[in-house]
Amino acid sequence: GDAPNTVTLQMNSLKLEDTAVYYCNAQRLARSYWGQGTQV
């Protein structure tokens, strides 16, 4: 809700082991949807 229809992940104190491709997911009932991934 920080912006309309948006989920936000604030990442602080990042570590080397946080390096990954991050994927957004939406779930409702038995359905699951994935975003395209963003590299961190």
Full PDB file with SEQRES, HELIX, SHEET, SSBOND, CRYST1, ORIGX, SCALE, CONECT and MASTER records, all heavy atoms in Angstrom:
SEQRES   1 A   40  GLY ASP ALA PRO ASN THR VAL THR LEU GLN MET ASN SER          
SEQRES   2 A   40  LEU LYS LEU GLU ASP THR ALA VAL TYR TYR CYS ASN ALA          
SEQRES   3 A   40  GLN ARG LEU ALA ARG SER TYR TRP GLY GLN GLY THR GLN          
SEQRES   4 A   40  VAL                                                          
HELIX    1 AA1 LEU A   16  ASP A   18  5                                   3    
SHEET    1 AA1 2 VAL A  21  TYR A  22  0                                        
SHEET    2 AA1 2 THR A  38  GLN A  39 -1                                        
SHEET    1 AA2 2 ASN A  25  ARG A  28  0                                        
SHEET    2 AA2 2 ARG A  31  TRP A  34 -1                                        
CRYST1    1.000    1.000    1.000  90.00  90.00  90.00 P 1           1          
ORIGX1      1.000000  0.000000  0.000000        0.00000                         
ORIGX2      0.000000  1.000000  0.000000        0.00000                         
ORIGX3      0.000000  0.000000  1.000000        0.00000                         
SCALE1      1.000000  0.000000  0.000000        0.00000                         
SCALE2      0.000000  1.000000  0.000000        0.00000                         
SCALE3      0.000000  0.000000  1.000000        0.00000                         
ATOM      1  N   GLY A   1       0.778  -1.221   0.000  1.00  0.00           N  
ATOM      2  CA  GLY A   1       0.000   0.000   0.000  1.00  0.00           C  
ATOM      3  C   GLY A   1       0.809   1.270   0.000  1.00  0.00           C  
ATOM      4  O   GLY A   1       0.224   2.360   0.008  1.00  0.00           O  
ATOM      5  N   ASP A   2       2.136   1.188   0.000  1.00  0.00           N  
ATOM      6  CA  ASP A   2       2.926   2.414  -0.105  1.00  0.00           C  
ATOM      7  C   ASP A   2       2.597   3.144  -1.399  1.00  0.00           C  
ATOM      8  O   ASP A   2       2.664   4.372  -1.479  1.00  0.00           O  
ATOM      9  CB  ASP A   2       4.419   2.096  -0.044  1.00  0.00           C  
ATOM     10  CG  ASP A   2       4.828   1.502   1.303  1.00  0.00           C  
ATOM     11  OD1 ASP A   2       4.043   1.623   2.266  1.00  0.00           O  
ATOM     12  OD2 ASP A   2       5.918   0.916   1.382  1.00  0.00           O  
ATOM     13  N   ALA A   3       2.283   2.371  -2.414  1.00  0.00           N  
ATOM     14  CA  ALA A   3       1.801   2.892  -3.687  1.00  0.00           C  
ATOM     15  C   ALA A   3       0.650   1.991  -4.102  1.00  0.00           C  
ATOM     16  O   ALA A   3       0.581   0.838  -3.654  1.00  0.00           O  
ATOM     17  CB  ALA A   3       2.906   2.903  -4.731  1.00  0.00           C  
ATOM     18  N   PRO A   4      -0.239   2.446  -4.933  1.00  0.00           N  
ATOM     19  CA  PRO A   4      -1.387   1.614  -5.315  1.00  0.00           C  
ATOM     20  C   PRO A   4      -0.978   0.262  -5.885  1.00  0.00           C  
ATOM     21  O   PRO A   4      -0.107   0.192  -6.759  1.00  0.00           O  
ATOM     22  CB  PRO A   4      -2.086   2.472  -6.367  1.00  0.00           C  
ATOM     23  CG  PRO A   4      -1.714   3.869  -6.029  1.00  0.00           C  
ATOM     24  CD  PRO A   4      -0.310   3.790  -5.522  1.00  0.00           C  
ATOM     25  N   ASN A   5      -1.586  -0.798  -5.355  1.00  0.00           N  
ATOM     26  CA  ASN A   5      -1.393  -2.162  -5.867  1.00  0.00           C  
ATOM     27  C   ASN A   5       0.073  -2.592  -5.846  1.00  0.00           C  
ATOM     28  O   ASN A   5       0.511  -3.338  -6.725  1.00  0.00           O  
ATOM     29  CB  ASN A   5      -1.937  -2.279  -7.295  1.00  0.00           C  
ATOM     30  CG  ASN A   5      -3.420  -2.003  -7.365  1.00  0.00           C  
ATOM     31  OD1 ASN A   5      -4.134  -2.143  -6.379  1.00  0.00           O  
ATOM     32  ND2 ASN A   5      -3.886  -1.592  -8.520  1.00  0.00           N  
ATOM     33  N   THR A   6       0.801  -2.144  -4.839  1.00  0.00           N  
ATOM     34  CA  THR A   6       2.232  -2.390  -4.789  1.00  0.00           C  
ATOM     35  C   THR A   6       2.642  -2.988  -3.455  1.00  0.00           C  
ATOM     36  O   THR A   6       2.156  -2.564  -2.406  1.00  0.00           O  
ATOM     37  CB  THR A   6       3.003  -1.081  -5.038  1.00  0.00           C  
ATOM     38  OG1 THR A   6       2.701  -0.596  -6.345  1.00  0.00           O  
ATOM     39  CG2 THR A   6       4.501  -1.305  -4.928  1.00  0.00           C  
ATOM     40  N   VAL A   7       3.537  -3.957  -3.517  1.00  0.00           N  
ATOM     41  CA  VAL A   7       4.183  -4.483  -2.324  1.00  0.00           C  
ATOM     42  C   VAL A   7       5.651  -4.072  -2.392  1.00  0.00           C  
ATOM     43  O   VAL A   7       6.256  -4.076  -3.451  1.00  0.00           O  
ATOM     44  CB  VAL A   7       4.030  -6.013  -2.222  1.00  0.00           C  
ATOM     45  CG1 VAL A   7       4.670  -6.731  -3.398  1.00  0.00           C  
ATOM     46  CG2 VAL A   7       4.591  -6.524  -0.907  1.00  0.00           C  
ATOM     47  N   THR A   8       6.181  -3.721  -1.234  1.00  0.00           N  
ATOM     48  CA  THR A   8       7.540  -3.205  -1.163  1.00  0.00           C  
ATOM     49  C   THR A   8       8.367  -4.037  -0.197  1.00  0.00           C  
ATOM     50  O   THR A   8       7.852  -4.498   0.828  1.00  0.00           O  
ATOM     51  CB  THR A   8       7.521  -1.743  -0.689  1.00  0.00           C  
ATOM     52  OG1 THR A   8       6.761  -0.951  -1.624  1.00  0.00           O  
ATOM     53  CG2 THR A   8       8.928  -1.169  -0.622  1.00  0.00           C  
ATOM     54  N   LEU A   9       9.618  -4.237  -0.542  1.00  0.00           N  
ATOM     55  CA  LEU A   9      10.553  -4.899   0.363  1.00  0.00           C  
ATOM     56  C   LEU A   9      11.711  -3.936   0.613  1.00  0.00           C  
ATOM     57  O   LEU A   9      12.509  -3.663  -0.287  1.00  0.00           O  
ATOM     58  CB  LEU A   9      11.080  -6.209  -0.239  1.00  0.00           C  
ATOM     59  CG  LEU A   9      11.985  -7.028   0.676  1.00  0.00           C  
ATOM     60  CD1 LEU A   9      11.180  -7.609   1.849  1.00  0.00           C  
ATOM     61  CD2 LEU A   9      12.673  -8.150  -0.094  1.00  0.00           C  
ATOM     62  N   GLN A  10      11.773  -3.413   1.821  1.00  0.00           N  
ATOM     63  CA  GLN A  10      12.879  -2.557   2.219  1.00  0.00           C  
ATOM     64  C   GLN A  10      13.966  -3.433   2.811  1.00  0.00           C  
ATOM     65  O   GLN A  10      13.724  -4.149   3.792  1.00  0.00           O  
ATOM     66  CB  GLN A  10      12.418  -1.531   3.246  1.00  0.00           C  
ATOM     67  CG  GLN A  10      13.523  -0.620   3.753  1.00  0.00           C  
ATOM     68  CD  GLN A  10      14.087   0.286   2.681  1.00  0.00           C  
ATOM     69  OE1 GLN A  10      13.344   0.872   1.900  1.00  0.00           O  
ATOM     70  NE2 GLN A  10      15.401   0.414   2.637  1.00  0.00           N  
ATOM     71  N   MET A  11      15.145  -3.388   2.227  1.00  0.00           N  
ATOM     72  CA  MET A  11      16.243  -4.246   2.646  1.00  0.00           C  
ATOM     73  C   MET A  11      17.366  -3.377   3.199  1.00  0.00           C  
ATOM     74  O   MET A  11      17.945  -2.573   2.457  1.00  0.00           O  
ATOM     75  CB  MET A  11      16.743  -5.082   1.470  1.00  0.00           C  
ATOM     76  CG  MET A  11      15.648  -5.905   0.803  1.00  0.00           C  
ATOM     77  SD  MET A  11      16.268  -6.998  -0.487  1.00  0.00           S  
ATOM     78  CE  MET A  11      16.800  -5.789  -1.700  1.00  0.00           C  
ATOM     79  N   ASN A  12      17.659  -3.543   4.463  1.00  0.00           N  
ATOM     80  CA  ASN A  12      18.723  -2.787   5.125  1.00  0.00           C  
ATOM     81  C   ASN A  12      19.811  -3.743   5.605  1.00  0.00           C  
ATOM     82  O   ASN A  12      19.601  -4.951   5.688  1.00  0.00           O  
ATOM     83  CB  ASN A  12      18.158  -2.016   6.312  1.00  0.00           C  
ATOM     84  CG  ASN A  12      17.117  -0.990   5.907  1.00  0.00           C  
ATOM     85  OD1 ASN A  12      17.174  -0.411   4.814  1.00  0.00           O  
ATOM     86  ND2 ASN A  12      16.152  -0.749   6.781  1.00  0.00           N  
ATOM     87  N   SER A  13      20.955  -3.175   5.904  1.00  0.00           N  
ATOM     88  CA  SER A  13      22.085  -3.965   6.423  1.00  0.00           C  
ATOM     89  C   SER A  13      22.351  -5.180   5.545  1.00  0.00           C  
ATOM     90  O   SER A  13      22.502  -6.303   6.037  1.00  0.00           O  
ATOM     91  CB  SER A  13      21.805  -4.393   7.866  1.00  0.00           C  
ATOM     92  OG  SER A  13      21.574  -3.289   8.697  1.00  0.00           O  
ATOM     93  N   LEU A  14      22.407  -4.954   4.262  1.00  0.00           N  
ATOM     94  CA  LEU A  14      22.554  -6.059   3.317  1.00  0.00           C  
ATOM     95  C   LEU A  14      23.890  -6.757   3.498  1.00  0.00           C  
ATOM     96  O   LEU A  14      24.922  -6.126   3.793  1.00  0.00           O  
ATOM     97  CB  LEU A  14      22.392  -5.549   1.892  1.00  0.00           C  
ATOM     98  CG  LEU A  14      20.935  -5.305   1.489  1.00  0.00           C  
ATOM     99  CD1 LEU A  14      20.846  -4.365   0.297  1.00  0.00           C  
ATOM    100  CD2 LEU A  14      20.239  -6.620   1.191  1.00  0.00           C  
ATOM    101  N   LYS A  15      23.846  -8.064   3.299  1.00  0.00           N  
ATOM    102  CA  LYS A  15      25.022  -8.911   3.441  1.00  0.00           C  
ATOM    103  C   LYS A  15      25.352  -9.561   2.102  1.00  0.00           C  
ATOM    104  O   LYS A  15      24.503  -9.640   1.202  1.00  0.00           O  
ATOM    105  CB  LYS A  15      24.752 -10.000   4.480  1.00  0.00           C  
ATOM    106  CG  LYS A  15      24.339  -9.485   5.847  1.00  0.00           C  
ATOM    107  CD  LYS A  15      24.024 -10.638   6.779  1.00  0.00           C  
ATOM    108  CE  LYS A  15      23.615 -10.137   8.171  1.00  0.00           C  
ATOM    109  NZ  LYS A  15      23.301 -11.264   9.088  1.00  0.00           N  
ATOM    110  N   LEU A  16      26.558 -10.054   2.001  1.00  0.00           N  
ATOM    111  CA  LEU A  16      26.977 -10.722   0.769  1.00  0.00           C  
ATOM    112  C   LEU A  16      26.018 -11.851   0.414  1.00  0.00           C  
ATOM    113  O   LEU A  16      25.709 -12.068  -0.768  1.00  0.00           O  
ATOM    114  CB  LEU A  16      28.394 -11.265   0.921  1.00  0.00           C  
ATOM    115  CG  LEU A  16      29.507 -10.234   1.122  1.00  0.00           C  
ATOM    116  CD1 LEU A  16      30.831 -10.956   1.366  1.00  0.00           C  
ATOM    117  CD2 LEU A  16      29.625  -9.309  -0.072  1.00  0.00           C  
ATOM    118  N   GLU A  17      25.557 -12.560   1.441  1.00  0.00           N  
ATOM    119  CA  GLU A  17      24.691 -13.714   1.204  1.00  0.00           C  
ATOM    120  C   GLU A  17      23.268 -13.346   0.798  1.00  0.00           C  
ATOM    121  O   GLU A  17      22.457 -14.230   0.508  1.00  0.00           O  
ATOM    122  CB  GLU A  17      24.659 -14.622   2.442  1.00  0.00           C  
ATOM    123  CG  GLU A  17      24.305 -13.927   3.734  1.00  0.00           C  
ATOM    124  CD  GLU A  17      25.534 -13.508   4.532  1.00  0.00           C  
ATOM    125  OE1 GLU A  17      26.529 -13.055   3.914  1.00  0.00           O  
ATOM    126  OE2 GLU A  17      25.479 -13.634   5.775  1.00  0.00           O  
ATOM    127  N   ASP A  18      22.955 -12.066   0.751  1.00  0.00           N  
ATOM    128  CA  ASP A  18      21.660 -11.639   0.246  1.00  0.00           C  
ATOM    129  C   ASP A  18      21.651 -11.551  -1.282  1.00  0.00           C  
ATOM    130  O   ASP A  18      20.594 -11.317  -1.881  1.00  0.00           O  
ATOM    131  CB  ASP A  18      21.277 -10.275   0.824  1.00  0.00           C  
ATOM    132  CG  ASP A  18      21.038 -10.321   2.320  1.00  0.00           C  
ATOM    133  OD1 ASP A  18      20.407 -11.279   2.792  1.00  0.00           O  
ATOM    134  OD2 ASP A  18      21.489  -9.391   3.019  1.00  0.00           O  
ATOM    135  N   THR A  19      22.792 -11.738  -1.885  1.00  0.00           N  
ATOM    136  CA  THR A  19      22.885 -11.700  -3.343  1.00  0.00           C  
ATOM    137  C   THR A  19      22.030 -12.810  -3.949  1.00  0.00           C  
ATOM    138  O   THR A  19      22.186 -13.985  -3.606  1.00  0.00           O  
ATOM    139  CB  THR A  19      24.337 -11.856  -3.805  1.00  0.00           C  
ATOM    140  OG1 THR A  19      25.090 -10.720  -3.357  1.00  0.00           O  
ATOM    141  CG2 THR A  19      24.421 -11.961  -5.315  1.00  0.00           C  
ATOM    142  N   ALA A  20      21.124 -12.430  -4.841  1.00  0.00           N  
ATOM    143  CA  ALA A  20      20.203 -13.385  -5.441  1.00  0.00           C  
ATOM    144  C   ALA A  20      19.318 -12.650  -6.443  1.00  0.00           C  
ATOM    145  O   ALA A  20      19.309 -11.412  -6.486  1.00  0.00           O  
ATOM    146  CB  ALA A  20      19.332 -14.049  -4.380  1.00  0.00           C  
ATOM    147  N   VAL A  21      18.565 -13.434  -7.189  1.00  0.00           N  
ATOM    148  CA  VAL A  21      17.460 -12.871  -7.960  1.00  0.00           C  
ATOM    149  C   VAL A  21      16.232 -12.918  -7.066  1.00  0.00           C  
ATOM    150  O   VAL A  21      15.903 -13.972  -6.512  1.00  0.00           O  
ATOM    151  CB  VAL A  21      17.210 -13.660  -9.255  1.00  0.00           C  
ATOM    152  CG1 VAL A  21      16.007 -13.079  -9.998  1.00  0.00           C  
ATOM    153  CG2 VAL A  21      18.444 -13.632 -10.140  1.00  0.00           C  
ATOM    154  N   TYR A  22      15.584 -11.784  -6.916  1.00  0.00           N  
ATOM    155  CA  TYR A  22      14.408 -11.666  -6.055  1.00  0.00           C  
ATOM    156  C   TYR A  22      13.148 -11.679  -6.910  1.00  0.00           C  
ATOM    157  O   TYR A  22      13.043 -10.949  -7.903  1.00  0.00           O  
ATOM    158  CB  TYR A  22      14.500 -10.385  -5.236  1.00  0.00           C  
ATOM    159  CG  TYR A  22      15.479 -10.491  -4.089  1.00  0.00           C  
ATOM    160  CD1 TYR A  22      16.846 -10.581  -4.317  1.00  0.00           C  
ATOM    161  CD2 TYR A  22      15.031 -10.541  -2.772  1.00  0.00           C  
ATOM    162  CE1 TYR A  22      17.752 -10.704  -3.270  1.00  0.00           C  
ATOM    163  CE2 TYR A  22      15.918 -10.652  -1.712  1.00  0.00           C  
ATOM    164  CZ  TYR A  22      17.274 -10.740  -1.972  1.00  0.00           C  
ATOM    165  OH  TYR A  22      18.166 -10.865  -0.933  1.00  0.00           O  
ATOM    166  N   TYR A  23      12.203 -12.514  -6.480  1.00  0.00           N  
ATOM    167  CA  TYR A  23      10.961 -12.682  -7.220  1.00  0.00           C  
ATOM    168  C   TYR A  23       9.773 -12.254  -6.368  1.00  0.00           C  
ATOM    169  O   TYR A  23       9.662 -12.635  -5.194  1.00  0.00           O  
ATOM    170  CB  TYR A  23      10.763 -14.144  -7.618  1.00  0.00           C  
ATOM    171  CG  TYR A  23      11.797 -14.667  -8.586  1.00  0.00           C  
ATOM    172  CD1 TYR A  23      12.962 -15.277  -8.125  1.00  0.00           C  
ATOM    173  CD2 TYR A  23      11.598 -14.556  -9.965  1.00  0.00           C  
ATOM    174  CE1 TYR A  23      13.899 -15.761  -9.018  1.00  0.00           C  
ATOM    175  CE2 TYR A  23      12.533 -15.050 -10.857  1.00  0.00           C  
ATOM    176  CZ  TYR A  23      13.686 -15.646 -10.377  1.00  0.00           C  
ATOM    177  OH  TYR A  23      14.627 -16.118 -11.259  1.00  0.00           O  
ATOM    178  N   CYS A  24       8.889 -11.513  -6.983  1.00  0.00           N  
ATOM    179  CA  CYS A  24       7.635 -11.135  -6.358  1.00  0.00           C  
ATOM    180  C   CYS A  24       6.613 -12.246  -6.594  1.00  0.00           C  
ATOM    181  O   CYS A  24       6.607 -12.879  -7.656  1.00  0.00           O  
ATOM    182  CB  CYS A  24       7.149  -9.829  -6.971  1.00  0.00           C  
ATOM    183  SG  CYS A  24       5.569  -9.253  -6.381  1.00  0.00           S  
ATOM    184  N   ASN A  25       5.753 -12.485  -5.608  1.00  0.00           N  
ATOM    185  CA  ASN A  25       4.757 -13.544  -5.705  1.00  0.00           C  
ATOM    186  C   ASN A  25       3.417 -13.041  -5.191  1.00  0.00           C  
ATOM    187  O   ASN A  25       3.357 -12.281  -4.220  1.00  0.00           O  
ATOM    188  CB  ASN A  25       5.214 -14.755  -4.900  1.00  0.00           C  
ATOM    189  CG  ASN A  25       4.182 -15.851  -4.873  1.00  0.00           C  
ATOM    190  OD1 ASN A  25       3.388 -15.953  -3.947  1.00  0.00           O  
ATOM    191  ND2 ASN A  25       4.189 -16.681  -5.908  1.00  0.00           N  
ATOM    192  N   ALA A  26       2.358 -13.492  -5.835  1.00  0.00           N  
ATOM    193  CA  ALA A  26       1.001 -13.202  -5.381  1.00  0.00           C  
ATOM    194  C   ALA A  26       0.228 -14.511  -5.291  1.00  0.00           C  
ATOM    195  O   ALA A  26       0.256 -15.310  -6.233  1.00  0.00           O  
ATOM    196  CB  ALA A  26       0.303 -12.247  -6.341  1.00  0.00           C  
ATOM    197  N   GLN A  27      -0.421 -14.726  -4.153  1.00  0.00           N  
ATOM    198  CA  GLN A  27      -1.165 -15.965  -3.948  1.00  0.00           C  
ATOM    199  C   GLN A  27      -2.586 -15.660  -3.480  1.00  0.00           C  
ATOM    200  O   GLN A  27      -2.806 -14.805  -2.629  1.00  0.00           O  
ATOM    201  CB  GLN A  27      -0.479 -16.838  -2.894  1.00  0.00           C  
ATOM    202  CG  GLN A  27       0.869 -17.366  -3.304  1.00  0.00           C  
ATOM    203  CD  GLN A  27       1.413 -18.368  -2.310  1.00  0.00           C  
ATOM    204  OE1 GLN A  27       0.672 -19.080  -1.658  1.00  0.00           O  
ATOM    205  NE2 GLN A  27       2.731 -18.414  -2.180  1.00  0.00           N  
ATOM    206  N   ARG A  28      -3.503 -16.407  -4.045  1.00  0.00           N  
ATOM    207  CA  ARG A  28      -4.890 -16.351  -3.584  1.00  0.00           C  
ATOM    208  C   ARG A  28      -5.544 -17.687  -3.870  1.00  0.00           C  
ATOM    209  O   ARG A  28      -5.455 -18.180  -5.004  1.00  0.00           O  
ATOM    210  CB  ARG A  28      -5.670 -15.234  -4.273  1.00  0.00           C  
ATOM    211  CG  ARG A  28      -7.071 -15.024  -3.715  1.00  0.00           C  
ATOM    212  CD  ARG A  28      -7.801 -13.913  -4.411  1.00  0.00           C  
ATOM    213  NE  ARG A  28      -8.178 -14.283  -5.769  1.00  0.00           N  
ATOM    214  CZ  ARG A  28      -8.907 -13.522  -6.567  1.00  0.00           C  
ATOM    215  NH1 ARG A  28      -9.301 -12.335  -6.156  1.00  0.00           N  
ATOM    216  NH2 ARG A  28      -9.231 -13.913  -7.770  1.00  0.00           N  
ATOM    217  N   LEU A  29      -6.112 -18.286  -2.862  1.00  0.00           N  
ATOM    218  CA  LEU A  29      -6.692 -19.627  -2.971  1.00  0.00           C  
ATOM    219  C   LEU A  29      -5.607 -20.568  -3.491  1.00  0.00           C  
ATOM    220  O   LEU A  29      -4.545 -20.667  -2.931  1.00  0.00           O  
ATOM    221  CB  LEU A  29      -7.924 -19.571  -3.873  1.00  0.00           C  
ATOM    222  CG  LEU A  29      -9.028 -18.601  -3.409  1.00  0.00           C  
ATOM    223  CD1 LEU A  29     -10.176 -18.547  -4.403  1.00  0.00           C  
ATOM    224  CD2 LEU A  29      -9.525 -18.988  -2.029  1.00  0.00           C  
ATOM    225  N   ALA A  30      -5.850 -21.245  -4.583  1.00  0.00           N  
ATOM    226  CA  ALA A  30      -4.874 -22.213  -5.088  1.00  0.00           C  
ATOM    227  C   ALA A  30      -4.003 -21.643  -6.202  1.00  0.00           C  
ATOM    228  O   ALA A  30      -3.195 -22.375  -6.785  1.00  0.00           O  
ATOM    229  CB  ALA A  30      -5.606 -23.447  -5.602  1.00  0.00           C  
ATOM    230  N   ARG A  31      -4.130 -20.341  -6.445  1.00  0.00           N  
ATOM    231  CA  ARG A  31      -3.394 -19.732  -7.546  1.00  0.00           C  
ATOM    232  C   ARG A  31      -2.155 -18.999  -7.029  1.00  0.00           C  
ATOM    233  O   ARG A  31      -2.215 -18.343  -5.981  1.00  0.00           O  
ATOM    234  CB  ARG A  31      -4.287 -18.739  -8.291  1.00  0.00           C  
ATOM    235  CG  ARG A  31      -5.467 -19.385  -8.995  1.00  0.00           C  
ATOM    236  CD  ARG A  31      -5.059 -20.187 -10.203  1.00  0.00           C  
ATOM    237  NE  ARG A  31      -6.197 -20.687 -10.960  1.00  0.00           N  
ATOM    238  CZ  ARG A  31      -6.708 -20.101 -12.021  1.00  0.00           C  
ATOM    239  NH1 ARG A  31      -6.194 -18.959 -12.440  1.00  0.00           N  
ATOM    240  NH2 ARG A  31      -7.722 -20.638 -12.659  1.00  0.00           N  
ATOM    241  N   SER A  32      -1.069 -19.123  -7.780  1.00  0.00           N  
ATOM    242  CA  SER A  32       0.174 -18.449  -7.441  1.00  0.00           C  
ATOM    243  C   SER A  32       0.749 -17.820  -8.705  1.00  0.00           C  
ATOM    244  O   SER A  32       0.835 -18.476  -9.746  1.00  0.00           O  
ATOM    245  CB  SER A  32       1.173 -19.450  -6.851  1.00  0.00           C  
ATOM    246  OG  SER A  32       2.364 -18.795  -6.453  1.00  0.00           O  
ATOM    247  N   TYR A  33       1.162 -16.574  -8.593  1.00  0.00           N  
ATOM    248  CA  TYR A  33       1.684 -15.850  -9.733  1.00  0.00           C  
ATOM    249  C   TYR A  33       3.065 -15.294  -9.382  1.00  0.00           C  
ATOM    250  O   TYR A  33       3.311 -14.914  -8.237  1.00  0.00           O  
ATOM    251  CB  TYR A  33       0.755 -14.694 -10.102  1.00  0.00           C  
ATOM    252  CG  TYR A  33      -0.661 -15.119 -10.412  1.00  0.00           C  
ATOM    253  CD1 TYR A  33      -1.617 -15.185  -9.401  1.00  0.00           C  
ATOM    254  CD2 TYR A  33      -1.039 -15.481 -11.703  1.00  0.00           C  
ATOM    255  CE1 TYR A  33      -2.915 -15.588  -9.664  1.00  0.00           C  
ATOM    256  CE2 TYR A  33      -2.337 -15.873 -11.975  1.00  0.00           C  
ATOM    257  CZ  TYR A  33      -3.269 -15.930 -10.958  1.00  0.00           C  
ATOM    258  OH  TYR A  33      -4.549 -16.333 -11.222  1.00  0.00           O  
ATOM    259  N   TRP A  34       3.933 -15.241 -10.419  1.00  0.00           N  
ATOM    260  CA  TRP A  34       5.306 -14.788 -10.202  1.00  0.00           C  
ATOM    261  C   TRP A  34       5.642 -13.616 -11.111  1.00  0.00           C  
ATOM    262  O   TRP A  34       5.223 -13.573 -12.267  1.00  0.00           O  
ATOM    263  CB  TRP A  34       6.286 -15.924 -10.483  1.00  0.00           C  
ATOM    264  CG  TRP A  34       6.157 -17.048  -9.516  1.00  0.00           C  
ATOM    265  CD1 TRP A  34       5.399 -18.174  -9.649  1.00  0.00           C  
ATOM    266  CD2 TRP A  34       6.810 -17.156  -8.239  1.00  0.00           C  
ATOM    267  NE1 TRP A  34       5.532 -18.967  -8.530  1.00  0.00           N  
ATOM    268  CE2 TRP A  34       6.393 -18.374  -7.658  1.00  0.00           C  
ATOM    269  CE3 TRP A  34       7.692 -16.345  -7.543  1.00  0.00           C  
ATOM    270  CZ2 TRP A  34       6.832 -18.793  -6.402  1.00  0.00           C  
ATOM    271  CZ3 TRP A  34       8.144 -16.762  -6.291  1.00  0.00           C  
ATOM    272  CH2 TRP A  34       7.711 -17.973  -5.736  1.00  0.00           C  
ATOM    273  N   GLY A  35       6.436 -12.719 -10.578  1.00  0.00           N  
ATOM    274  CA  GLY A  35       6.998 -11.648 -11.372  1.00  0.00           C  
ATOM    275  C   GLY A  35       8.248 -12.125 -12.085  1.00  0.00           C  
ATOM    276  O   GLY A  35       8.671 -13.279 -11.951  1.00  0.00           O  
ATOM    277  N   GLN A  36       8.885 -11.220 -12.793  1.00  0.00           N  
ATOM    278  CA  GLN A  36       9.987 -11.581 -13.667  1.00  0.00           C  
ATOM    279  C   GLN A  36      11.323 -11.700 -12.952  1.00  0.00           C  
ATOM    280  O   GLN A  36      12.275 -12.192 -13.545  1.00  0.00           O  
ATOM    281  CB  GLN A  36      10.133 -10.551 -14.806  1.00  0.00           C  
ATOM    282  CG  GLN A  36      10.919  -9.304 -14.456  1.00  0.00           C  
ATOM    283  CD  GLN A  36      10.121  -8.253 -13.694  1.00  0.00           C  
ATOM    284  OE1 GLN A  36       9.064  -8.514 -13.131  1.00  0.00           O  
ATOM    285  NE2 GLN A  36      10.642  -7.036 -13.669  1.00  0.00           N  
ATOM    286  N   GLY A  37      11.418 -11.269 -11.712  1.00  0.00           N  
ATOM    287  CA  GLY A  37      12.691 -11.350 -10.992  1.00  0.00           C  
ATOM    288  C   GLY A  37      13.536 -10.103 -11.190  1.00  0.00           C  
ATOM    289  O   GLY A  37      13.582  -9.537 -12.286  1.00  0.00           O  
ATOM    290  N   THR A  38      14.198  -9.712 -10.118  1.00  0.00           N  
ATOM    291  CA  THR A  38      15.111  -8.574 -10.188  1.00  0.00           C  
ATOM    292  C   THR A  38      16.386  -8.927  -9.430  1.00  0.00           C  
ATOM    293  O   THR A  38      16.333  -9.488  -8.339  1.00  0.00           O  
ATOM    294  CB  THR A  38      14.448  -7.299  -9.625  1.00  0.00           C  
ATOM    295  OG1 THR A  38      15.321  -6.181  -9.796  1.00  0.00           O  
ATOM    296  CG2 THR A  38      14.054  -7.435  -8.169  1.00  0.00           C  
ATOM    297  N   GLN A  39      17.519  -8.608 -10.022  1.00  0.00           N  
ATOM    298  CA  GLN A  39      18.808  -9.004  -9.452  1.00  0.00           C  
ATOM    299  C   GLN A  39      19.226  -8.052  -8.339  1.00  0.00           C  
ATOM    300  O   GLN A  39      19.231  -6.829  -8.517  1.00  0.00           O  
ATOM    301  CB  GLN A  39      19.884  -9.012 -10.534  1.00  0.00           C  
ATOM    302  CG  GLN A  39      21.278  -9.354 -10.042  1.00  0.00           C  
ATOM    303  CD  GLN A  39      21.424 -10.804  -9.616  1.00  0.00           C  
ATOM    304  OE1 GLN A  39      20.979 -11.708 -10.322  1.00  0.00           O  
ATOM    305  NE2 GLN A  39      22.037 -11.041  -8.467  1.00  0.00           N  
ATOM    306  N   VAL A  40      19.606  -8.641  -7.224  1.00  0.00           N  
ATOM    307  CA  VAL A  40      20.216  -7.893  -6.123  1.00  0.00           C  
ATOM    308  C   VAL A  40      21.616  -8.453  -5.914  1.00  0.00           C  
ATOM    309  O   VAL A  40      21.781  -9.656  -5.682  1.00  0.00           O  
ATOM    310  CB  VAL A  40      19.395  -8.017  -4.829  1.00  0.00           C  
ATOM    311  CG1 VAL A  40      20.152  -7.410  -3.650  1.00  0.00           C  
ATOM    312  CG2 VAL A  40      18.037  -7.349  -4.998  1.00  0.00           C  
TER     313      VAL A  40                                                      
MASTER        0    0    0    1    4    0    0    6  312    1    0    4          
END                                                                             
